[in-house]
All heavy atoms as atom14 arrays in JSON, in Angstrom:
{
  "sequence": "KIVFAVPGIVLATIFVTVPFVARELIPLMQAQGKN",
  "atom14_mask": [
    [1, 1, 1, 1, 1, 1, 1, 1, 1, 0, 0, 0, 0, 0],
    [1, 1, 1, 1, 1, 1, 1, 1, 0, 0, 0, 0, 0, 0],
    [1, 1, 1, 1, 1, 1, 1, 0, 0, 0, 0, 0, 0, 0],
    [1, 1, 1, 1, 1, 1, 1, 1, 1, 1, 1, 0, 0, 0],
    [1, 1, 1, 1, 1, 0, 0, 0, 0, 0, 0, 0, 0, 0],
    [1, 1, 1, 1, 1, 1, 1, 0, 0, 0, 0, 0, 0, 0],
    [1, 1, 1, 1, 1, 1, 1, 0, 0, 0, 0, 0, 0, 0],
    [1, 1, 1, 1, 0, 0, 0, 0, 0, 0, 0, 0, 0, 0],
    [1, 1, 1, 1, 1, 1, 1, 1, 0, 0, 0, 0, 0, 0],
    [1, 1, 1, 1, 1, 1, 1, 0, 0, 0, 0, 0, 0, 0],
    [1, 1, 1, 1, 1, 1, 1, 1, 0, 0, 0, 0, 0, 0],
    [1, 1, 1, 1, 1, 0, 0, 0, 0, 0, 0, 0, 0, 0],
    [1, 1, 1, 1, 1, 1, 1, 0, 0, 0, 0, 0, 0, 0],
    [1, 1, 1, 1, 1, 1, 1, 1, 0, 0, 0, 0, 0, 0],
    [1, 1, 1, 1, 1, 1, 1, 1, 1, 1, 1, 0, 0, 0],
    [1, 1, 1, 1, 1, 1, 1, 0, 0, 0, 0, 0, 0, 0],
    [1, 1, 1, 1, 1, 1, 1, 0, 0, 0, 0, 0, 0, 0],
    [1, 1, 1, 1, 1, 1, 1, 0, 0, 0, 0, 0, 0, 0],
    [1, 1, 1, 1, 1, 1, 1, 0, 0, 0, 0, 0, 0, 0],
    [1, 1, 1, 1, 1, 1, 1, 1, 1, 1, 1, 0, 0, 0],
    [1, 1, 1, 1, 1, 1, 1, 0, 0, 0, 0, 0, 0, 0],
    [1, 1, 1, 1, 1, 0, 0, 0, 0, 0, 0, 0, 0, 0],
    [1, 1, 1, 1, 1, 1, 1, 1, 1, 1, 1, 0, 0, 0],
    [1, 1, 1, 1, 1, 1, 1, 1, 1, 0, 0, 0, 0, 0],
    [1, 1, 1, 1, 1, 1, 1, 1, 0, 0, 0, 0, 0, 0],
    [1, 1, 1, 1, 1, 1, 1, 1, 0, 0, 0, 0, 0, 0],
    [1, 1, 1, 1, 1, 1, 1, 0, 0, 0, 0, 0, 0, 0],
    [1, 1, 1, 1, 1, 1, 1, 1, 0, 0, 0, 0, 0, 0],
    [1, 1, 1, 1, 1, 1, 1, 1, 0, 0, 0, 0, 0, 0],
    [1, 1, 1, 1, 1, 1, 1, 1, 1, 0, 0, 0, 0, 0],
    [1, 1, 1, 1, 1, 0, 0, 0, 0, 0, 0, 0, 0, 0],
    [1, 1, 1, 1, 1, 1, 1, 1, 1, 0, 0, 0, 0, 0],
    [1, 1, 1, 1, 0, 0, 0, 0, 0, 0, 0, 0, 0, 0],
    [1, 1, 1, 1, 1, 1, 1, 1, 1, 0, 0, 0, 0, 0],
    [1, 1, 1, 1, 1, 1, 1, 1, 0, 0, 0, 0, 0, 0]
  ],
  "atom14_positions": [
    [[112.61, -36.11, -64.68], [112.07, -37.32, -65.27], [112.86, -37.68, -66.52], [112.95, -36.88, -67.45], [110.59, -37.13, -65.62], [109.89, -38.43, -66.01], [108.4, -38.22, -66.18], [107.7, -39.55, -66.48], [106.24, -39.35, -66.66], [0.0, 0.0, 0.0], [0.0, 0.0, 0.0], [0.0, 0.0, 0.0], [0.0, 0.0, 0.0], [0.0, 0.0, 0.0]],
    [[113.44, -38.86, -66.52], [114.25, -39.31, -67.66], [113.56, -40.46, -68.39], [113.29, -40.37, -69.59], [115.66, -39.72, -67.2], [116.41, -38.48, -66.69], [116.44, -40.4, -68.33], [117.81, -38.75, -66.23], [0.0, 0.0, 0.0], [0.0, 0.0, 0.0], [0.0, 0.0, 0.0], [0.0, 0.0, 0.0], [0.0, 0.0, 0.0], [0.0, 0.0, 0.0]],
    [[113.27, -41.53, -67.64], [112.57, -42.66, -68.24], [111.1, -42.29, -68.47], [110.5, -41.56, -67.67], [112.68, -43.91, -67.34], [111.86, -45.06, -67.89], [114.14, -44.32, -67.23], [0.0, 0.0, 0.0], [0.0, 0.0, 0.0], [0.0, 0.0, 0.0], [0.0, 0.0, 0.0], [0.0, 0.0, 0.0], [0.0, 0.0, 0.0], [0.0, 0.0, 0.0]],
    [[110.53, -42.77, -69.57], [109.16, -42.44, -69.99], [109.04, -40.94, -70.3], [107.98, -40.34, -70.11], [108.14, -42.85, -68.96], [108.21, -44.31, -68.6], [107.83, -44.74, -67.34], [108.68, -45.25, -69.51], [107.9, -46.09, -67.0], [108.75, -46.6, -69.17], [108.37, -47.01, -67.92], [0.0, 0.0, 0.0], [0.0, 0.0, 0.0], [0.0, 0.0, 0.0]],
    [[110.12, -40.37, -70.77], [110.15, -38.95, -71.16], [111.18, -38.78, -72.27], [111.93, -39.7, -72.6], [110.46, -38.06, -69.96], [0.0, 0.0, 0.0], [0.0, 0.0, 0.0], [0.0, 0.0, 0.0], [0.0, 0.0, 0.0], [0.0, 0.0, 0.0], [0.0, 0.0, 0.0], [0.0, 0.0, 0.0], [0.0, 0.0, 0.0], [0.0, 0.0, 0.0]],
    [[111.23, -37.59, -72.82], [112.13, -37.32, -73.94], [113.61, -37.55, -73.59], [114.35, -38.11, -74.4], [111.91, -35.88, -74.46], [112.92, -35.54, -75.55], [110.5, -35.73, -75.02], [0.0, 0.0, 0.0], [0.0, 0.0, 0.0], [0.0, 0.0, 0.0], [0.0, 0.0, 0.0], [0.0, 0.0, 0.0], [0.0, 0.0, 0.0], [0.0, 0.0, 0.0]],
    [[114.1, -37.14, -72.42], [115.52, -37.38, -72.11], [115.92, -38.85, -72.2], [117.01, -39.17, -72.69], [115.66, -36.85, -70.68], [114.62, -35.8, -70.57], [113.46, -36.31, -71.36], [0.0, 0.0, 0.0], [0.0, 0.0, 0.0], [0.0, 0.0, 0.0], [0.0, 0.0, 0.0], [0.0, 0.0, 0.0], [0.0, 0.0, 0.0], [0.0, 0.0, 0.0]],
    [[115.06, -39.76, -71.75], [115.37, -41.17, -71.83], [115.45, -41.65, -73.27], [116.31, -42.47, -73.63], [0.0, 0.0, 0.0], [0.0, 0.0, 0.0], [0.0, 0.0, 0.0], [0.0, 0.0, 0.0], [0.0, 0.0, 0.0], [0.0, 0.0, 0.0], [0.0, 0.0, 0.0], [0.0, 0.0, 0.0], [0.0, 0.0, 0.0], [0.0, 0.0, 0.0]],
    [[114.56, -41.14, -74.12], [114.58, -41.51, -75.53], [115.87, -41.03, -76.18], [116.51, -41.75, -76.97], [113.35, -40.92, -76.26], [112.07, -41.49, -75.66], [113.41, -41.19, -77.75], [110.8, -40.86, -76.2], [0.0, 0.0, 0.0], [0.0, 0.0, 0.0], [0.0, 0.0, 0.0], [0.0, 0.0, 0.0], [0.0, 0.0, 0.0], [0.0, 0.0, 0.0]],
    [[116.27, -39.81, -75.84], [117.51, -39.27, -76.4], [118.71, -40.08, -75.94], [119.59, -40.43, -76.75], [117.67, -37.79, -75.99], [119.05, -37.26, -76.41], [116.58, -36.94, -76.62], [0.0, 0.0, 0.0], [0.0, 0.0, 0.0], [0.0, 0.0, 0.0], [0.0, 0.0, 0.0], [0.0, 0.0, 0.0], [0.0, 0.0, 0.0], [0.0, 0.0, 0.0]],
    [[118.77, -40.41, -74.65], [119.89, -41.19, -74.13], [119.97, -42.57, -74.79], [121.05, -43.03, -75.17], [119.77, -41.34, -72.62], [120.04, -40.09, -71.78], [119.75, -40.36, -70.31], [121.48, -39.63, -71.96], [0.0, 0.0, 0.0], [0.0, 0.0, 0.0], [0.0, 0.0, 0.0], [0.0, 0.0, 0.0], [0.0, 0.0, 0.0], [0.0, 0.0, 0.0]],
    [[118.83, -43.23, -74.92], [118.81, -44.56, -75.54], [119.24, -44.47, -77.01], [119.98, -45.33, -77.5], [117.41, -45.17, -75.44], [0.0, 0.0, 0.0], [0.0, 0.0, 0.0], [0.0, 0.0, 0.0], [0.0, 0.0, 0.0], [0.0, 0.0, 0.0], [0.0, 0.0, 0.0], [0.0, 0.0, 0.0], [0.0, 0.0, 0.0], [0.0, 0.0, 0.0]],
    [[118.81, -43.44, -77.7], [119.17, -43.28, -79.1], [120.66, -42.98, -79.25], [121.33, -43.51, -80.15], [118.36, -42.14, -79.74], [116.96, -42.43, -79.59], [118.68, -41.99, -81.21], [0.0, 0.0, 0.0], [0.0, 0.0, 0.0], [0.0, 0.0, 0.0], [0.0, 0.0, 0.0], [0.0, 0.0, 0.0], [0.0, 0.0, 0.0], [0.0, 0.0, 0.0]],
    [[121.19, -42.15, -78.37], [122.63, -41.86, -78.41], [123.42, -43.14, -78.21], [124.42, -43.4, -78.91], [122.99, -40.83, -77.33], [122.43, -39.46, -77.71], [124.5, -40.74, -77.14], [122.61, -38.4, -76.63], [0.0, 0.0, 0.0], [0.0, 0.0, 0.0], [0.0, 0.0, 0.0], [0.0, 0.0, 0.0], [0.0, 0.0, 0.0], [0.0, 0.0, 0.0]],
    [[122.98, -43.98, -77.26], [123.72, -45.21, -76.98], [123.78, -46.12, -78.2], [124.85, -46.62, -78.57], [123.07, -45.94, -75.8], [123.72, -47.25, -75.48], [124.85, -47.29, -74.68], [123.22, -48.45, -75.97], [125.47, -48.5, -74.38], [123.82, -49.66, -75.68], [124.96, -49.69, -74.88], [0.0, 0.0, 0.0], [0.0, 0.0, 0.0], [0.0, 0.0, 0.0]],
    [[122.66, -46.36, -78.84], [122.64, -47.32, -79.95], [123.31, -46.77, -81.2], [123.67, -47.55, -82.11], [121.2, -47.78, -80.28], [120.56, -48.46, -79.08], [120.35, -46.61, -80.74], [0.0, 0.0, 0.0], [0.0, 0.0, 0.0], [0.0, 0.0, 0.0], [0.0, 0.0, 0.0], [0.0, 0.0, 0.0], [0.0, 0.0, 0.0], [0.0, 0.0, 0.0]],
    [[123.48, -45.45, -81.29], [124.09, -44.86, -82.5], [125.53, -44.43, -82.28], [126.14, -43.84, -83.19], [123.27, -43.65, -82.98], [123.13, -42.7, -81.91], [121.89, -44.08, -83.44], [0.0, 0.0, 0.0], [0.0, 0.0, 0.0], [0.0, 0.0, 0.0], [0.0, 0.0, 0.0], [0.0, 0.0, 0.0], [0.0, 0.0, 0.0], [0.0, 0.0, 0.0]],
    [[126.1, -44.69, -81.12], [127.48, -44.28, -80.82], [128.49, -44.8, -81.84], [129.38, -44.06, -82.27], [127.87, -44.72, -79.39], [129.37, -44.83, -79.24], [127.35, -43.73, -78.37], [0.0, 0.0, 0.0], [0.0, 0.0, 0.0], [0.0, 0.0, 0.0], [0.0, 0.0, 0.0], [0.0, 0.0, 0.0], [0.0, 0.0, 0.0], [0.0, 0.0, 0.0]],
    [[128.43, -46.06, -82.28], [129.54, -46.58, -83.1], [129.62, -46.03, -84.52], [130.69, -46.13, -85.15], [129.25, -48.1, -83.15], [128.24, -48.36, -82.09], [127.46, -47.1, -81.96], [0.0, 0.0, 0.0], [0.0, 0.0, 0.0], [0.0, 0.0, 0.0], [0.0, 0.0, 0.0], [0.0, 0.0, 0.0], [0.0, 0.0, 0.0], [0.0, 0.0, 0.0]],
    [[128.56, -45.48, -85.07], [128.51, -45.27, -86.52], [129.52, -44.25, -87.02], [130.18, -44.48, -88.03], [127.08, -44.89, -86.94], [126.12, -46.02, -86.81], [125.33, -46.15, -85.67], [126.02, -46.98, -87.79], [124.46, -47.22, -85.54], [125.15, -48.04, -87.67], [124.36, -48.16, -86.54], [0.0, 0.0, 0.0], [0.0, 0.0, 0.0], [0.0, 0.0, 0.0]],
    [[129.64, -43.11, -86.37], [130.6, -42.11, -86.82], [132.02, -42.57, -86.53], [132.9, -42.52, -87.4], [130.33, -40.76, -86.15], [131.42, -39.75, -86.51], [128.96, -40.22, -86.57], [0.0, 0.0, 0.0], [0.0, 0.0, 0.0], [0.0, 0.0, 0.0], [0.0, 0.0, 0.0], [0.0, 0.0, 0.0], [0.0, 0.0, 0.0], [0.0, 0.0, 0.0]],
    [[132.27, -43.04, -85.3], [133.62, -43.45, -84.92], [134.1, -44.62, -85.76], [135.25, -44.62, -86.23], [133.64, -43.82, -83.43], [0.0, 0.0, 0.0], [0.0, 0.0, 0.0], [0.0, 0.0, 0.0], [0.0, 0.0, 0.0], [0.0, 0.0, 0.0], [0.0, 0.0, 0.0], [0.0, 0.0, 0.0], [0.0, 0.0, 0.0], [0.0, 0.0, 0.0]],
    [[133.24, -45.6, -85.99], [133.65, -46.78, -86.74], [133.91, -46.48, -88.21], [134.62, -47.2, -88.89], [132.62, -47.89, -86.58], [132.94, -48.86, -85.47], [134.21, -49.57, -85.81], [134.89, -50.12, -84.63], [136.18, -50.37, -84.59], [136.94, -50.05, -85.6], [136.73, -50.89, -83.53], [0.0, 0.0, 0.0], [0.0, 0.0, 0.0], [0.0, 0.0, 0.0]],
    [[133.32, -45.43, -88.71], [133.58, -45.01, -90.09], [134.91, -44.27, -90.2], [135.61, -44.37, -91.2], [132.44, -44.11, -90.58], [132.51, -43.75, -92.05], [132.38, -44.94, -92.96], [131.67, -45.91, -92.6], [132.98, -44.92, -94.05], [0.0, 0.0, 0.0], [0.0, 0.0, 0.0], [0.0, 0.0, 0.0], [0.0, 0.0, 0.0], [0.0, 0.0, 0.0]],
    [[135.27, -43.52, -89.14], [136.45, -42.67, -89.21], [137.73, -43.34, -88.76], [138.81, -43.02, -89.26], [136.23, -41.42, -88.35], [135.16, -40.44, -88.85], [135.08, -39.24, -87.91], [135.45, -39.98, -90.26], [0.0, 0.0, 0.0], [0.0, 0.0, 0.0], [0.0, 0.0, 0.0], [0.0, 0.0, 0.0], [0.0, 0.0, 0.0], [0.0, 0.0, 0.0]],
    [[137.65, -44.27, -87.81], [138.87, -44.87, -87.26], [139.72, -45.53, -88.35], [140.92, -45.22, -88.48], [138.53, -45.86, -86.13], [138.02, -45.11, -84.9], [139.76, -46.7, -85.75], [137.49, -46.0, -83.8], [0.0, 0.0, 0.0], [0.0, 0.0, 0.0], [0.0, 0.0, 0.0], [0.0, 0.0, 0.0], [0.0, 0.0, 0.0], [0.0, 0.0, 0.0]],
    [[139.19, -46.46, -89.15], [140.04, -47.06, -90.19], [140.51, -46.05, -91.24], [141.62, -46.17, -91.77], [139.15, -48.14, -90.81], [137.76, -47.75, -90.46], [137.85, -47.05, -89.15], [0.0, 0.0, 0.0], [0.0, 0.0, 0.0], [0.0, 0.0, 0.0], [0.0, 0.0, 0.0], [0.0, 0.0, 0.0], [0.0, 0.0, 0.0], [0.0, 0.0, 0.0]],
    [[139.68, -45.04, -91.53], [140.07, -44.03, -92.5], [141.26, -43.22, -92.0], [142.24, -43.01, -92.73], [138.88, -43.1, -92.78], [139.12, -41.93, -93.73], [139.55, -42.44, -95.1], [137.87, -41.07, -93.85], [0.0, 0.0, 0.0], [0.0, 0.0, 0.0], [0.0, 0.0, 0.0], [0.0, 0.0, 0.0], [0.0, 0.0, 0.0], [0.0, 0.0, 0.0]],
    [[141.2, -42.79, -90.74], [142.3, -42.02, -90.18], [143.57, -42.87, -90.04], [144.68, -42.38, -90.27], [141.9, -41.46, -88.81], [140.91, -40.31, -88.88], [140.63, -39.61, -87.23], [139.67, -38.16, -87.64], [0.0, 0.0, 0.0], [0.0, 0.0, 0.0], [0.0, 0.0, 0.0], [0.0, 0.0, 0.0], [0.0, 0.0, 0.0], [0.0, 0.0, 0.0]],
    [[143.4, -44.14, -89.67], [144.56, -45.01, -89.54], [145.23, -45.24, -90.89], [146.46, -45.28, -90.99], [144.14, -46.34, -88.92], [143.8, -46.24, -87.44], [143.28, -47.55, -86.87], [142.71, -48.38, -87.58], [143.46, -47.74, -85.58], [0.0, 0.0, 0.0], [0.0, 0.0, 0.0], [0.0, 0.0, 0.0], [0.0, 0.0, 0.0], [0.0, 0.0, 0.0]],
    [[144.42, -45.37, -91.94], [144.98, -45.58, -93.28], [145.72, -44.33, -93.78], [146.72, -44.44, -94.49], [143.87, -45.96, -94.26], [0.0, 0.0, 0.0], [0.0, 0.0, 0.0], [0.0, 0.0, 0.0], [0.0, 0.0, 0.0], [0.0, 0.0, 0.0], [0.0, 0.0, 0.0], [0.0, 0.0, 0.0], [0.0, 0.0, 0.0], [0.0, 0.0, 0.0]],
    [[145.25, -43.16, -93.4], [145.89, -41.92, -93.85], [147.19, -41.64, -93.13], [148.05, -40.92, -93.65], [144.92, -40.75, -93.67], [143.74, -40.78, -94.63], [142.74, -39.68, -94.36], [142.78, -39.03, -93.32], [141.83, -39.47, -95.3], [0.0, 0.0, 0.0], [0.0, 0.0, 0.0], [0.0, 0.0, 0.0], [0.0, 0.0, 0.0], [0.0, 0.0, 0.0]],
    [[147.36, -42.21, -91.93], [148.58, -41.99, -91.19], [148.68, -40.6, -90.58], [147.69, -39.84, -90.54], [0.0, 0.0, 0.0], [0.0, 0.0, 0.0], [0.0, 0.0, 0.0], [0.0, 0.0, 0.0], [0.0, 0.0, 0.0], [0.0, 0.0, 0.0], [0.0, 0.0, 0.0], [0.0, 0.0, 0.0], [0.0, 0.0, 0.0], [0.0, 0.0, 0.0]],
    [[149.89, -40.25, -90.14], [150.1, -38.98, -89.44], [151.08, -38.06, -90.15], [151.46, -37.02, -89.6], [150.6, -39.25, -88.01], [149.65, -40.08, -87.17], [150.13, -40.18, -85.73], [151.38, -41.04, -85.63], [151.81, -41.23, -84.22], [0.0, 0.0, 0.0], [0.0, 0.0, 0.0], [0.0, 0.0, 0.0], [0.0, 0.0, 0.0], [0.0, 0.0, 0.0]],
    [[151.51, -38.42, -91.35], [152.56, -37.65, -92.02], [152.14, -36.2, -92.27], [152.92, -35.27, -92.03], [152.94, -38.32, -93.35], [153.62, -39.65, -93.13], [154.18, -39.9, -92.06], [153.59, -40.51, -94.13], [0.0, 0.0, 0.0], [0.0, 0.0, 0.0], [0.0, 0.0, 0.0], [0.0, 0.0, 0.0], [0.0, 0.0, 0.0], [0.0, 0.0, 0.0]]
  ]
}
């Protein structure tokens, strides 16, 4: 059981929060370069 259960809540929460870590790090890493 996924929907109407804890797994569905976790999946939905993961989906809506996906961008926050990546979007904070991508410009930071790009600005630092690879030297």
